[in-house]
Amino acid sequence: MAGVPGPAGSLRDGVSAAPGAHRGLTGAERARTCASQRRPVGLRGAPTLAGGEPCWILVFQVALCTRPDARWLLATCPADQWRGGVRGTPVPGGSMVERDPMYQRRRLRIRLRQAREQAGMRQKDVAVAMDWSLSKLLRIEAGTVGISVNDLKILLQYYGITDPQDVASLVDMARVSYRELGWWSPYREAISAQFQEFLGHESSASQIRNFEPLMVPGLLQTEEYAAAVLANYAEPHTQRLLELRKERQEKIFRTGEKELHFILDENVISRTVGDKRVMRQQLRMLQEVTSLPHVTLRIIPFSAGVYPYWDLPYVIFEFPVPDDGAVLYIERAKNQTFITNEGPGERGVYSPARFLEKFWQLEQLATLEDAPRMVDRALGRFLDEPN
């Protein structure tokens, strides 16, 4: 399969559930199954209790707890039994995901904002005390800039955070986010700052849910399909973007440490992109993807009619630590995109929680069993007249 090697290693470290045990289940069914087993889906580097026993945290994150049938599912460690300091911090030695600078910057800014709020301090008062401009603190809490280790240590003292483990954990986040570059940095001349942010979320997520109404998702595109798509945008960096896409696929699929859930409209497998030969290669790739234990693929048939957000591509990123919330990425016309961050309780029109509920609803319109048959039928149509 071009560009998408098979997974290496288990998807569920330390979890005895058989690979693929949750395939075929909807989001709600999968959540109930995991809760009944006291295990999460796709959680790597699970935190442990002080005595060494695993402390399983349901990885469906903030949005799941808003579902009426799932509020009882969330399990957390007592605050005094976390090993490694800051509540919600994975045990040291985690995966590549946990060393991603974008992910660590996001985690750090969330914890700094929480620390300030718990200390009962206003942003402008902190800025004055630190001899910073207010905009500097706002940018740090927004995650748009990093914070140096020296500044962080002074800020933590001001917030009253002195526990050595807590300080060490936060300092490590700052070092990673402030000094290290994302793996995509060699491609910076070819991509926007916003897409770099997208890649950061993609790299650091433990679960990715992607709905596409028109085109094959980037992570599943063959090189020739991707080239045919880019040819329509007069993109000056086409070759670099193709190289970037291939590297994205290799990093995501090589380890098998992320759960990937794709829902496509039948449009995607029916429209000719490139030519029939390109489509045959692309459809065969989709056939192979459905066999991977950490990937699910659903296709909504034309007979489903119009459904919520049927014309709006979006991606939902969920992260290894539940406290980190989820990120929603929405793609609009003319390449205009925006990313919505969410904390517990936020349920706006474009919130991750709302779109996660819609994604679960789409799972009811398309079963895992139907997708291979639909791809086979589409492939047959493109075989009628070989190029």
Protein backbone atom coordinates (compact mmCIF):
# COMPACT_ATOMS: atom_id res chain seq x y z
CA MET A 1 0.00 0.00 0.00
CA ALA A 2 1.69 3.18 -1.18
CA GLY A 3 2.67 5.54 1.59
CA VAL A 4 0.81 3.65 4.34
CA PRO A 5 2.83 0.84 5.89
CA GLY A 6 1.15 -1.50 8.31
CA PRO A 7 1.11 -0.73 12.04
CA ALA A 8 4.01 -1.70 14.24
CA GLY A 9 3.35 -2.56 17.87
CA SER A 10 0.17 -2.83 19.84
CA LEU A 11 -2.44 -0.11 19.85
CA ARG A 12 -3.27 -0.74 23.48
CA ASP A 13 -0.15 -0.93 25.65
CA GLY A 14 -0.82 -2.91 28.78
CA VAL A 15 -4.42 -3.68 27.79
CA SER A 16 -5.35 -7.32 27.29
CA ALA A 17 -8.21 -6.62 24.88
CA ALA A 18 -7.56 -8.31 21.57
CA PRO A 19 -6.52 -6.07 18.64
CA GLY A 20 -9.59 -4.87 16.83
CA ALA A 21 -11.87 -5.84 19.73
CA HIS A 22 -13.71 -2.52 19.47
CA ARG A 23 -14.09 -2.50 15.69
CA GLY A 24 -17.68 -2.44 14.54
CA LEU A 25 -18.92 -0.54 17.58
CA THR A 26 -20.33 2.97 17.55
CA GLY A 27 -18.75 5.60 19.79
CA ALA A 28 -21.29 5.07 22.58
CA GLU A 29 -21.05 1.25 22.36
CA ARG A 30 -17.27 1.42 22.39
CA ALA A 31 -17.34 3.66 25.46
CA ARG A 32 -19.65 1.32 27.35
CA THR A 33 -17.49 -1.68 26.46
CA CYS A 34 -14.34 0.00 27.69
CA ALA A 35 -15.97 1.17 30.90
CA SER A 36 -17.29 -2.32 31.69
CA GLN A 37 -13.73 -3.64 31.30
CA ARG A 38 -12.29 -0.72 33.30
CA ARG A 39 -10.06 -0.03 30.32
CA PRO A 40 -9.71 2.84 27.85
CA VAL A 41 -9.49 2.64 24.09
CA GLY A 42 -6.14 3.65 22.64
CA LEU A 43 -4.53 4.94 25.83
CA ARG A 44 -0.76 4.67 25.88
CA GLY A 45 1.51 5.40 28.84
CA ALA A 46 -1.40 5.26 31.31
CA PRO A 47 -0.72 7.04 34.62
CA THR A 48 -0.19 4.75 37.61
CA LEU A 49 -1.18 4.94 41.24
CA ALA A 50 1.48 5.43 43.87
CA GLY A 51 1.53 1.67 44.49
CA GLY A 52 2.18 0.92 40.84
CA GLU A 53 -1.31 -0.18 39.86
CA PRO A 54 -2.69 1.27 36.60
CA CYS A 55 -5.13 4.13 36.95
CA TRP A 56 -7.27 3.87 33.83
CA ILE A 57 -8.63 7.11 32.46
CA LEU A 58 -11.35 6.99 29.88
CA VAL A 59 -9.82 8.55 26.81
CA PHE A 60 -13.06 9.74 25.22
CA GLN A 61 -12.41 13.02 27.02
CA VAL A 62 -14.54 16.02 27.82
CA ALA A 63 -17.26 15.64 25.24
CA LEU A 64 -18.18 12.10 26.23
CA CYS A 65 -19.13 13.19 29.72
CA THR A 66 -21.83 15.45 28.33
CA ARG A 67 -23.72 12.45 26.90
CA PRO A 68 -26.66 11.50 29.16
CA ASP A 69 -25.94 7.76 28.79
CA ALA A 70 -22.27 8.04 29.56
CA ARG A 71 -21.80 10.38 32.52
CA TRP A 72 -21.01 7.44 34.81
CA LEU A 73 -18.10 6.29 32.66
CA LEU A 74 -15.35 8.69 33.66
CA ALA A 75 -12.81 7.31 36.13
CA THR A 76 -10.01 9.42 37.60
CA CYS A 77 -7.22 9.02 40.12
CA PRO A 78 -7.46 10.65 43.56
CA ALA A 79 -5.38 13.80 43.53
CA ASP A 80 -2.94 12.46 46.14
CA GLN A 81 -2.28 9.22 44.25
CA TRP A 82 -0.88 10.59 41.01
CA ARG A 83 2.73 9.74 40.31
CA GLY A 84 4.71 12.38 38.46
CA GLY A 85 3.35 15.54 40.05
CA VAL A 86 0.80 17.59 38.15
CA ARG A 87 -2.59 15.92 37.91
CA GLY A 88 -3.12 14.73 34.37
CA THR A 89 0.59 14.39 33.60
CA PRO A 90 1.59 11.06 32.02
CA VAL A 91 4.30 8.98 33.63
CA PRO A 92 7.72 10.01 32.20
CA GLY A 93 9.00 8.06 29.23
CA GLY A 94 5.89 8.38 27.11
CA SER A 95 5.53 8.09 23.37
CA MET A 96 6.63 10.47 20.63
CA VAL A 97 3.17 12.03 20.95
CA GLU A 98 3.99 13.33 24.42
CA ARG A 99 7.24 14.97 23.23
CA ASP A 100 5.58 16.98 20.48
CA PRO A 101 6.27 20.71 21.05
CA MET A 102 2.79 21.79 19.93
CA TYR A 103 1.16 19.35 22.32
CA GLN A 104 3.38 20.38 25.24
CA ARG A 105 2.79 24.08 24.59
CA ARG A 106 -0.95 23.48 24.60
CA ARG A 107 -0.77 21.48 27.84
CA LEU A 108 1.42 24.09 29.48
CA ARG A 109 -0.81 27.03 28.60
CA ILE A 110 -3.87 25.17 29.95
CA ARG A 111 -2.12 24.44 33.24
CA LEU A 112 -0.78 27.96 33.62
CA ARG A 113 -4.22 29.41 33.08
CA GLN A 114 -5.66 26.95 35.62
CA ALA A 115 -2.91 27.83 38.12
CA ARG A 116 -3.63 31.55 37.79
CA GLU A 117 -7.37 31.04 38.20
CA GLN A 118 -6.88 28.77 41.21
CA ALA A 119 -4.68 31.45 42.75
CA GLY A 120 -7.50 33.96 42.22
CA MET A 121 -5.39 36.31 40.13
CA ARG A 122 -6.34 38.47 37.17
CA GLN A 123 -4.22 38.52 34.02
CA LYS A 124 -3.42 42.23 34.27
CA ASP A 125 -2.25 41.84 37.89
CA VAL A 126 0.06 38.97 36.95
CA ALA A 127 1.46 40.96 34.04
CA VAL A 128 2.26 43.89 36.35
CA ALA A 129 3.88 41.63 38.97
CA MET A 130 6.02 39.90 36.33
CA ASP A 131 6.91 43.21 34.65
CA TRP A 132 5.42 41.90 31.40
CA SER A 133 3.08 43.49 28.96
CA LEU A 134 -0.46 42.16 29.23
CA SER A 135 -0.24 40.95 25.64
CA LYS A 136 2.72 38.70 26.53
CA LEU A 137 0.72 36.89 29.21
CA LEU A 138 -2.28 36.65 26.91
CA ARG A 139 -0.12 35.07 24.19
CA ILE A 140 1.39 32.59 26.65
CA GLU A 141 -2.04 31.53 27.91
CA ALA A 142 -3.31 31.33 24.34
CA GLY A 143 -0.39 29.09 23.37
CA THR A 144 0.73 31.34 20.53
CA VAL A 145 4.17 31.86 22.10
CA GLY A 146 6.29 29.78 24.43
CA ILE A 147 7.71 30.75 27.80
CA SER A 148 11.35 30.49 28.82
CA VAL A 149 12.29 28.21 31.71
CA ASN A 150 13.52 31.16 33.80
CA ASP A 151 10.28 33.09 33.31
CA LEU A 152 8.26 29.98 34.09
CA LYS A 153 10.04 29.31 37.38
CA ILE A 154 9.40 32.87 38.55
CA LEU A 155 5.77 32.66 37.44
CA LEU A 156 5.23 29.39 39.30
CA GLN A 157 6.64 30.91 42.49
CA TYR A 158 4.22 33.81 42.11
CA TYR A 159 1.34 31.33 41.73
CA GLY A 160 2.49 29.45 44.82
CA ILE A 161 3.49 26.27 42.97
CA THR A 162 6.59 25.01 44.78
CA ASP A 163 6.25 21.22 44.81
CA PRO A 164 9.45 19.94 43.12
CA GLN A 165 7.62 17.32 41.04
CA ASP A 166 5.02 19.81 39.83
CA VAL A 167 7.71 22.34 38.95
CA ALA A 168 9.85 19.73 37.17
CA SER A 169 6.88 18.53 35.11
CA LEU A 170 5.94 22.04 33.99
CA VAL A 171 9.55 22.98 33.28
CA ASP A 172 9.88 19.92 31.05
CA MET A 173 6.78 21.04 29.11
CA ALA A 174 8.32 24.49 28.69
CA ARG A 175 11.66 23.12 27.47
CA VAL A 176 10.01 20.93 24.85
CA SER A 177 7.60 23.61 23.64
CA TYR A 178 10.12 26.49 23.70
CA ARG A 179 13.25 24.88 22.24
CA GLU A 180 12.21 21.93 20.13
CA LEU A 181 10.79 22.13 16.61
CA GLY A 182 7.99 20.04 15.18
CA TRP A 183 8.95 17.25 12.79
CA TRP A 184 7.40 19.29 9.95
CA SER A 185 9.75 22.27 10.41
CA PRO A 186 11.73 21.47 7.19
CA TYR A 187 8.50 22.13 5.25
CA ARG A 188 7.69 25.49 6.83
CA GLU A 189 8.34 27.42 3.62
CA ALA A 190 5.58 25.43 1.87
CA ILE A 191 2.80 25.57 4.49
CA SER A 192 0.91 28.21 6.42
CA ALA A 193 1.24 28.82 10.14
CA GLN A 194 -2.29 27.53 10.55
CA PHE A 195 -1.48 24.25 8.84
CA GLN A 196 1.60 23.91 11.06
CA GLU A 197 -0.76 24.18 14.01
CA PHE A 198 -2.97 21.51 12.40
CA LEU A 199 0.06 19.21 12.07
CA GLY A 200 0.93 19.79 15.70
CA HIS A 201 -2.52 18.67 16.81
CA GLU A 202 -2.43 15.72 14.42
CA SER A 203 0.98 14.64 15.69
CA SER A 204 0.02 14.85 19.35
CA ALA A 205 -3.53 13.43 19.24
CA SER A 206 -4.32 9.96 20.51
CA GLN A 207 -7.56 9.79 18.51
CA ILE A 208 -8.43 11.49 15.24
CA ARG A 209 -11.96 11.62 13.81
CA ASN A 210 -12.29 12.95 10.27
CA PHE A 211 -15.39 13.57 8.16
CA GLU A 212 -14.90 14.31 4.45
CA PRO A 213 -17.79 14.97 2.04
CA LEU A 214 -15.84 15.49 -1.20
CA MET A 215 -12.28 14.14 -1.19
CA VAL A 216 -10.32 11.29 0.31
CA PRO A 217 -8.78 12.45 3.62
CA GLY A 218 -5.16 13.56 3.28
CA LEU A 219 -3.91 10.75 5.52
CA LEU A 220 -5.44 8.18 3.17
CA GLN A 221 -4.52 9.69 -0.20
CA THR A 222 -2.18 7.98 -2.63
CA GLU A 223 0.57 10.17 -4.04
CA GLU A 224 -1.07 10.36 -7.48
CA TYR A 225 -4.48 11.22 -6.03
CA ALA A 226 -2.88 13.97 -3.90
CA ALA A 227 -1.01 15.31 -6.94
CA ALA A 228 -4.26 15.46 -8.92
CA VAL A 229 -5.91 17.42 -6.11
CA LEU A 230 -3.02 19.87 -5.75
CA ALA A 231 -2.91 20.44 -9.51
CA ASN A 232 -6.23 22.27 -9.23
CA TYR A 233 -4.82 24.87 -6.82
CA ALA A 234 -1.81 26.14 -8.83
CA GLU A 235 0.28 25.35 -5.76
CA PRO A 236 3.95 26.42 -6.21
CA HIS A 237 5.20 23.91 -3.61
CA THR A 238 3.46 20.81 -4.96
CA GLN A 239 6.44 18.48 -4.68
CA ARG A 240 7.23 19.57 -1.11
CA LEU A 241 3.60 19.13 -0.13
CA LEU A 242 3.58 15.63 -1.59
CA GLU A 243 6.70 14.80 0.39
CA LEU A 244 5.10 16.23 3.52
CA ARG A 245 1.95 14.17 2.99
CA LYS A 246 3.96 10.99 2.59
CA GLU A 247 5.92 11.69 5.77
CA ARG A 248 2.67 12.42 7.63
CA GLN A 249 1.29 9.05 6.59
CA GLU A 250 4.46 7.20 7.55
CA LYS A 251 4.55 8.78 11.01
CA ILE A 252 0.86 8.15 11.69
CA PHE A 253 0.66 4.60 10.39
CA ARG A 254 4.11 3.30 11.31
CA THR A 255 3.51 3.16 15.07
CA GLY A 256 -0.20 2.38 15.16
CA GLU A 257 -0.43 4.37 18.41
CA LYS A 258 -3.36 6.54 17.27
CA GLU A 259 -6.95 5.52 16.73
CA LEU A 260 -8.18 6.86 13.38
CA HIS A 261 -11.88 7.09 12.54
CA PHE A 262 -12.89 8.22 9.05
CA ILE A 263 -16.39 8.87 7.73
CA LEU A 264 -16.76 9.69 4.04
CA ASP A 265 -19.72 10.63 1.91
CA GLU A 266 -20.30 8.31 -1.07
CA ASN A 267 -19.33 11.31 -3.23
CA VAL A 268 -15.71 10.65 -2.26
CA ILE A 269 -15.52 7.21 -3.87
CA SER A 270 -17.74 8.13 -6.84
CA ARG A 271 -16.07 11.28 -8.20
CA THR A 272 -13.15 10.84 -10.58
CA VAL A 273 -10.02 12.58 -9.33
CA GLY A 274 -7.19 12.40 -11.86
CA ASP A 275 -8.31 9.54 -14.05
CA LYS A 276 -9.66 6.01 -13.68
CA ARG A 277 -6.22 4.54 -13.04
CA VAL A 278 -5.63 7.02 -10.19
CA MET A 279 -9.03 6.15 -8.75
CA ARG A 280 -8.36 2.41 -8.95
CA GLN A 281 -5.14 2.86 -6.98
CA GLN A 282 -6.88 5.08 -4.46
CA LEU A 283 -9.80 2.71 -3.92
CA ARG A 284 -7.47 -0.25 -3.48
CA MET A 285 -5.64 1.74 -0.84
CA LEU A 286 -8.94 2.31 0.99
CA GLN A 287 -9.58 -1.44 0.81
CA GLU A 288 -6.28 -2.10 2.58
CA VAL A 289 -6.83 0.61 5.17
CA THR A 290 -10.03 -1.05 6.39
CA SER A 291 -7.99 -4.07 7.51
CA LEU A 292 -5.80 -2.08 9.93
CA PRO A 293 -6.75 -2.70 13.59
CA HIS A 294 -6.47 0.97 14.62
CA VAL A 295 -8.46 2.40 11.69
CA THR A 296 -12.19 2.49 11.05
CA LEU A 297 -13.77 3.60 7.78
CA ARG A 298 -17.44 4.34 7.21
CA ILE A 299 -19.12 5.60 4.04
CA ILE A 300 -22.48 7.34 4.12
CA PRO A 301 -24.57 6.22 1.11
CA PHE A 302 -26.41 8.62 -1.18
CA SER A 303 -29.64 7.06 0.09
CA ALA A 304 -29.05 8.72 3.50
CA GLY A 305 -30.03 12.05 1.95
CA VAL A 306 -29.04 15.28 3.69
CA TYR A 307 -27.60 14.96 7.21
CA PRO A 308 -26.01 17.36 9.75
CA TYR A 309 -22.99 19.23 8.34
CA TRP A 310 -23.11 17.07 5.23
CA ASP A 311 -21.05 19.56 3.21
CA LEU A 312 -18.51 20.58 5.88
CA PRO A 313 -15.15 18.77 6.23
CA TYR A 314 -13.92 18.61 9.81
CA VAL A 315 -11.43 16.87 12.07
CA ILE A 316 -11.69 16.29 15.83
CA PHE A 317 -8.45 15.76 17.73
CA GLU A 318 -8.48 14.10 21.15
CA PHE A 319 -5.39 13.82 23.33
CA PRO A 320 -3.80 11.32 25.74
CA VAL A 321 -4.66 13.33 28.87
CA PRO A 322 -8.43 13.88 29.34
CA ASP A 323 -7.90 17.26 31.02
CA ASP A 324 -6.48 18.57 27.75
CA GLY A 325 -9.90 18.62 26.12
CA ALA A 326 -10.38 18.32 22.37
CA VAL A 327 -9.66 20.46 19.32
CA LEU A 328 -12.02 20.93 16.38
CA TYR A 329 -10.65 21.82 12.94
CA ILE A 330 -13.11 23.01 10.31
CA GLU A 331 -12.23 23.59 6.68
CA ARG A 332 -14.24 26.10 4.69
CA ALA A 333 -14.23 27.37 1.12
CA LYS A 334 -11.10 29.06 -0.27
CA ASN A 335 -8.88 27.23 2.20
CA GLN A 336 -10.19 29.30 5.10
CA THR A 337 -9.85 27.29 8.27
CA PHE A 338 -10.14 27.82 11.97
CA ILE A 339 -9.45 25.76 15.05
CA THR A 340 -11.66 25.81 18.12
CA ASN A 341 -10.24 24.89 21.50
CA GLU A 342 -12.59 23.80 24.23
CA GLY A 343 -12.62 23.39 27.98
CA PRO A 344 -15.11 21.41 30.06
CA GLY A 345 -18.68 22.64 29.72
CA GLU A 346 -18.26 24.63 26.50
CA ARG A 347 -20.85 23.56 23.94
CA GLY A 348 -21.12 26.28 21.31
CA VAL A 349 -22.34 25.85 17.75
CA TYR A 350 -18.82 25.00 16.59
CA SER A 351 -17.55 23.28 19.73
CA PRO A 352 -15.70 19.95 19.68
CA ALA A 353 -18.41 18.44 21.90
CA ARG A 354 -21.16 19.32 19.44
CA PHE A 355 -19.25 17.98 16.44
CA LEU A 356 -18.30 14.81 18.30
CA GLU A 357 -21.99 14.17 18.93
CA LYS A 358 -22.67 14.73 15.21
CA PHE A 359 -19.86 12.35 14.33
CA TRP A 360 -21.42 9.68 16.53
CA GLN A 361 -24.75 10.30 14.80
CA LEU A 362 -23.09 9.74 11.43
CA GLU A 363 -21.81 6.40 12.68
CA GLN A 364 -25.43 5.29 12.83
CA LEU A 365 -25.89 6.07 9.12
CA ALA A 366 -22.98 3.94 7.95
CA THR A 367 -21.73 0.61 9.28
CA LEU A 368 -18.19 -0.71 9.12
CA GLU A 369 -19.45 -3.77 7.24
CA ASP A 370 -20.94 -1.67 4.41
CA ALA A 371 -17.76 0.29 3.64
CA PRO A 372 -15.75 -2.54 2.01
CA ARG A 373 -18.72 -3.50 -0.18
CA MET A 374 -19.22 0.11 -1.28
CA VAL A 375 -15.53 0.49 -2.12
CA ASP A 376 -15.66 -2.78 -4.09
CA ARG A 377 -18.65 -1.54 -6.11
CA ALA A 378 -16.94 1.78 -6.83
CA LEU A 379 -13.78 -0.02 -7.89
CA GLY A 380 -15.83 -2.12 -10.29
CA ARG A 381 -17.14 1.01 -11.97
CA PHE A 382 -13.60 2.34 -12.48
CA LEU A 383 -12.53 -1.01 -13.91
CA ASP A 384 -15.13 -0.86 -16.72
CA GLU A 385 -13.00 1.33 -18.96
CA PRO A 386 -9.29 0.95 -18.15
CA ASN A 387 -6.97 3.77 -19.14
